[in-house]
N, C-alpha and C. Protein backbone atom coordinates (compact mmCIF):
# COMPACT_ATOMS: atom_id res chain seq x y z
N MET A 1 40.76 9.39 76.17
CA MET A 1 39.58 8.56 76.09
C MET A 1 39.53 7.68 77.35
N ASN A 2 38.36 7.69 78.03
CA ASN A 2 38.25 6.86 79.23
C ASN A 2 38.02 5.40 78.85
N ASP A 3 38.09 4.52 79.86
CA ASP A 3 37.96 3.09 79.60
C ASP A 3 36.62 2.72 78.98
N ASP A 4 35.54 3.37 79.42
CA ASP A 4 34.22 3.07 78.87
C ASP A 4 34.14 3.43 77.39
N ALA A 5 34.63 4.61 77.05
CA ALA A 5 34.61 5.04 75.65
C ALA A 5 35.49 4.13 74.80
N LYS A 6 36.62 3.72 75.35
CA LYS A 6 37.51 2.82 74.63
C LYS A 6 36.82 1.49 74.36
N HIS A 7 36.11 0.98 75.35
CA HIS A 7 35.40 -0.29 75.19
C HIS A 7 34.33 -0.18 74.10
N VAL A 8 33.57 0.90 74.11
CA VAL A 8 32.53 1.11 73.10
C VAL A 8 33.16 1.19 71.71
N SER A 9 34.27 1.89 71.60
CA SER A 9 34.98 2.00 70.32
C SER A 9 35.41 0.63 69.82
N GLU A 10 35.92 -0.20 70.73
CA GLU A 10 36.35 -1.55 70.35
C GLU A 10 35.17 -2.38 69.86
N VAL A 11 34.02 -2.24 70.51
CA VAL A 11 32.82 -2.97 70.09
C VAL A 11 32.40 -2.53 68.69
N ILE A 12 32.38 -1.22 68.46
CA ILE A 12 31.99 -0.71 67.15
C ILE A 12 32.95 -1.20 66.07
N LEU A 13 34.24 -1.16 66.33
CA LEU A 13 35.22 -1.61 65.34
C LEU A 13 35.07 -3.11 65.06
N LYS A 14 34.77 -3.89 66.09
CA LYS A 14 34.56 -5.33 65.88
C LYS A 14 33.31 -5.57 65.03
N LEU A 15 32.24 -4.83 65.31
CA LEU A 15 31.03 -4.94 64.49
C LEU A 15 31.32 -4.53 63.04
N ALA A 16 32.09 -3.46 62.86
CA ALA A 16 32.42 -2.99 61.52
C ALA A 16 33.23 -4.02 60.74
N GLU A 17 34.14 -4.71 61.43
CA GLU A 17 34.91 -5.77 60.77
C GLU A 17 33.97 -6.87 60.26
N HIS A 18 33.00 -7.25 61.09
CA HIS A 18 32.05 -8.28 60.67
C HIS A 18 31.23 -7.77 59.47
N ARG A 19 30.80 -6.52 59.54
CA ARG A 19 30.01 -5.96 58.43
C ARG A 19 30.81 -5.97 57.15
N GLU A 20 32.08 -5.55 57.22
CA GLU A 20 32.92 -5.49 56.02
C GLU A 20 33.09 -6.86 55.38
N ALA A 21 33.14 -7.89 56.20
CA ALA A 21 33.33 -9.25 55.68
C ALA A 21 32.06 -9.84 55.08
N ASN A 22 30.91 -9.26 55.43
CA ASN A 22 29.65 -9.89 55.05
C ASN A 22 28.63 -9.02 54.33
N PHE A 23 28.73 -7.72 54.46
CA PHE A 23 27.72 -6.83 53.91
C PHE A 23 28.35 -5.56 53.34
N LYS A 24 27.65 -4.90 52.46
CA LYS A 24 28.02 -3.57 51.97
C LYS A 24 27.33 -2.54 52.87
N GLN A 25 27.94 -1.38 52.98
CA GLN A 25 27.36 -0.32 53.81
C GLN A 25 25.95 0.04 53.37
N HIS A 26 25.73 0.11 52.07
CA HIS A 26 24.40 0.50 51.59
C HIS A 26 23.35 -0.54 51.95
N GLU A 27 23.72 -1.81 52.06
CA GLU A 27 22.78 -2.85 52.47
C GLU A 27 22.36 -2.64 53.93
N ILE A 28 23.33 -2.31 54.75
CA ILE A 28 23.05 -2.08 56.17
C ILE A 28 22.22 -0.81 56.34
N ALA A 29 22.55 0.22 55.57
CA ALA A 29 21.79 1.46 55.64
C ALA A 29 20.32 1.20 55.31
N LYS A 30 20.08 0.38 54.31
CA LYS A 30 18.70 0.06 53.92
C LYS A 30 17.99 -0.68 55.06
N LYS A 31 18.66 -1.65 55.67
CA LYS A 31 18.06 -2.39 56.79
C LYS A 31 17.77 -1.48 57.98
N MET A 32 18.65 -0.49 58.19
CA MET A 32 18.50 0.42 59.32
C MET A 32 17.58 1.60 58.99
N LYS A 33 17.19 1.71 57.72
CA LYS A 33 16.39 2.84 57.24
C LYS A 33 17.10 4.16 57.52
N THR A 34 18.36 4.20 57.10
CA THR A 34 19.19 5.39 57.24
C THR A 34 20.06 5.52 56.00
N SER A 35 20.97 6.46 56.00
CA SER A 35 21.84 6.67 54.85
C SER A 35 23.15 5.89 54.98
N GLN A 36 23.78 5.65 53.85
CA GLN A 36 25.09 5.01 53.84
C GLN A 36 26.10 5.88 54.57
N ALA A 37 25.96 7.19 54.46
CA ALA A 37 26.88 8.11 55.14
C ALA A 37 26.79 7.95 56.66
N ARG A 38 25.59 7.74 57.17
CA ARG A 38 25.42 7.56 58.62
C ARG A 38 26.07 6.25 59.06
N VAL A 39 25.93 5.20 58.27
CA VAL A 39 26.59 3.93 58.60
C VAL A 39 28.11 4.14 58.62
N SER A 40 28.62 4.86 57.65
CA SER A 40 30.04 5.17 57.63
C SER A 40 30.46 5.93 58.88
N ASN A 41 29.64 6.90 59.28
CA ASN A 41 29.95 7.67 60.49
C ASN A 41 29.99 6.80 61.74
N ILE A 42 29.09 5.83 61.82
CA ILE A 42 29.11 4.90 62.95
C ILE A 42 30.44 4.14 62.95
N GLU A 43 30.80 3.59 61.80
CA GLU A 43 31.98 2.74 61.71
C GLU A 43 33.29 3.49 61.90
N THR A 44 33.30 4.76 61.60
CA THR A 44 34.54 5.53 61.73
C THR A 44 34.58 6.35 63.02
N LEU A 45 33.62 6.07 63.91
CA LEU A 45 33.61 6.69 65.24
C LEU A 45 33.55 8.21 65.16
N ARG A 46 32.78 8.73 64.21
CA ARG A 46 32.72 10.18 64.01
C ARG A 46 31.87 10.90 65.05
N TRP A 47 31.05 10.17 65.78
CA TRP A 47 30.28 10.81 66.85
C TRP A 47 29.97 9.77 67.92
N ASP A 48 29.47 10.23 69.04
CA ASP A 48 29.07 9.38 70.15
C ASP A 48 27.75 8.72 69.79
N VAL A 49 27.79 7.46 69.46
CA VAL A 49 26.61 6.73 68.97
C VAL A 49 25.69 6.38 70.13
N ARG A 50 24.40 6.63 69.94
CA ARG A 50 23.43 6.23 70.96
C ARG A 50 23.34 4.71 71.01
N LEU A 51 23.03 4.19 72.18
CA LEU A 51 22.92 2.75 72.35
C LEU A 51 21.88 2.16 71.42
N SER A 52 20.76 2.83 71.26
CA SER A 52 19.70 2.31 70.38
C SER A 52 20.19 2.21 68.93
N THR A 53 20.99 3.17 68.49
CA THR A 53 21.54 3.13 67.13
C THR A 53 22.52 1.98 66.99
N LEU A 54 23.35 1.80 67.99
CA LEU A 54 24.33 0.72 67.96
C LEU A 54 23.64 -0.64 67.94
N MET A 55 22.56 -0.76 68.68
CA MET A 55 21.81 -2.03 68.69
C MET A 55 21.13 -2.27 67.34
N ARG A 56 20.60 -1.22 66.70
CA ARG A 56 20.02 -1.37 65.35
C ARG A 56 21.08 -1.79 64.35
N TYR A 57 22.26 -1.19 64.45
CA TYR A 57 23.38 -1.54 63.56
C TYR A 57 23.73 -3.02 63.75
N ALA A 58 23.86 -3.45 65.00
CA ALA A 58 24.20 -4.85 65.27
C ALA A 58 23.15 -5.79 64.69
N ARG A 59 21.88 -5.49 64.91
CA ARG A 59 20.81 -6.34 64.35
C ARG A 59 20.86 -6.38 62.83
N ALA A 60 21.21 -5.27 62.21
CA ALA A 60 21.27 -5.21 60.74
C ALA A 60 22.36 -6.11 60.18
N ILE A 61 23.40 -6.39 60.99
CA ILE A 61 24.47 -7.29 60.53
C ILE A 61 24.36 -8.66 61.19
N ASP A 62 23.17 -8.94 61.70
CA ASP A 62 22.86 -10.25 62.30
C ASP A 62 23.68 -10.53 63.56
N LYS A 63 23.87 -9.51 64.35
CA LYS A 63 24.57 -9.64 65.63
C LYS A 63 23.70 -9.06 66.73
N ARG A 64 24.09 -9.34 67.98
CA ARG A 64 23.38 -8.80 69.14
C ARG A 64 24.41 -8.26 70.11
N ILE A 65 24.07 -7.17 70.77
CA ILE A 65 24.95 -6.57 71.78
C ILE A 65 24.40 -6.96 73.14
N ARG A 66 25.30 -7.40 74.01
CA ARG A 66 24.93 -7.70 75.38
C ARG A 66 25.66 -6.73 76.29
N ILE A 67 24.97 -6.26 77.29
CA ILE A 67 25.54 -5.30 78.21
C ILE A 67 25.62 -5.95 79.59
N THR A 68 26.76 -5.77 80.25
CA THR A 68 26.91 -6.27 81.61
C THR A 68 27.24 -5.10 82.52
N ILE A 69 26.89 -5.26 83.77
CA ILE A 69 27.20 -4.25 84.78
C ILE A 69 28.22 -4.85 85.74
N GLU A 70 29.29 -4.11 85.94
CA GLU A 70 30.38 -4.58 86.81
C GLU A 70 30.72 -3.53 87.82
N ASP A 71 31.24 -3.95 88.95
CA ASP A 71 31.76 -3.00 89.94
C ASP A 71 33.00 -2.34 89.40
N VAL A 72 33.17 -1.08 89.71
CA VAL A 72 34.38 -0.35 89.32
C VAL A 72 35.48 -0.71 90.29
N PRO A 73 36.66 -1.09 89.79
CA PRO A 73 37.76 -1.47 90.70
C PRO A 73 38.28 -0.27 91.49
């Protein structure tokens, strides 16, 4: 796994921790207008999540994702 993929995975896992502490998967699925299974797939890193999906997930749990651009060392 490259550094970028690792960073995205860490972000998803952090969001999932917040969701687990505050919401049920089915509640988030309803807010996202998707299935509970898809929310589970996001949280368990079962596929490469599109940025738009990740942003919808974050909004559904009352969070926001910020993206920064940095020079590669």
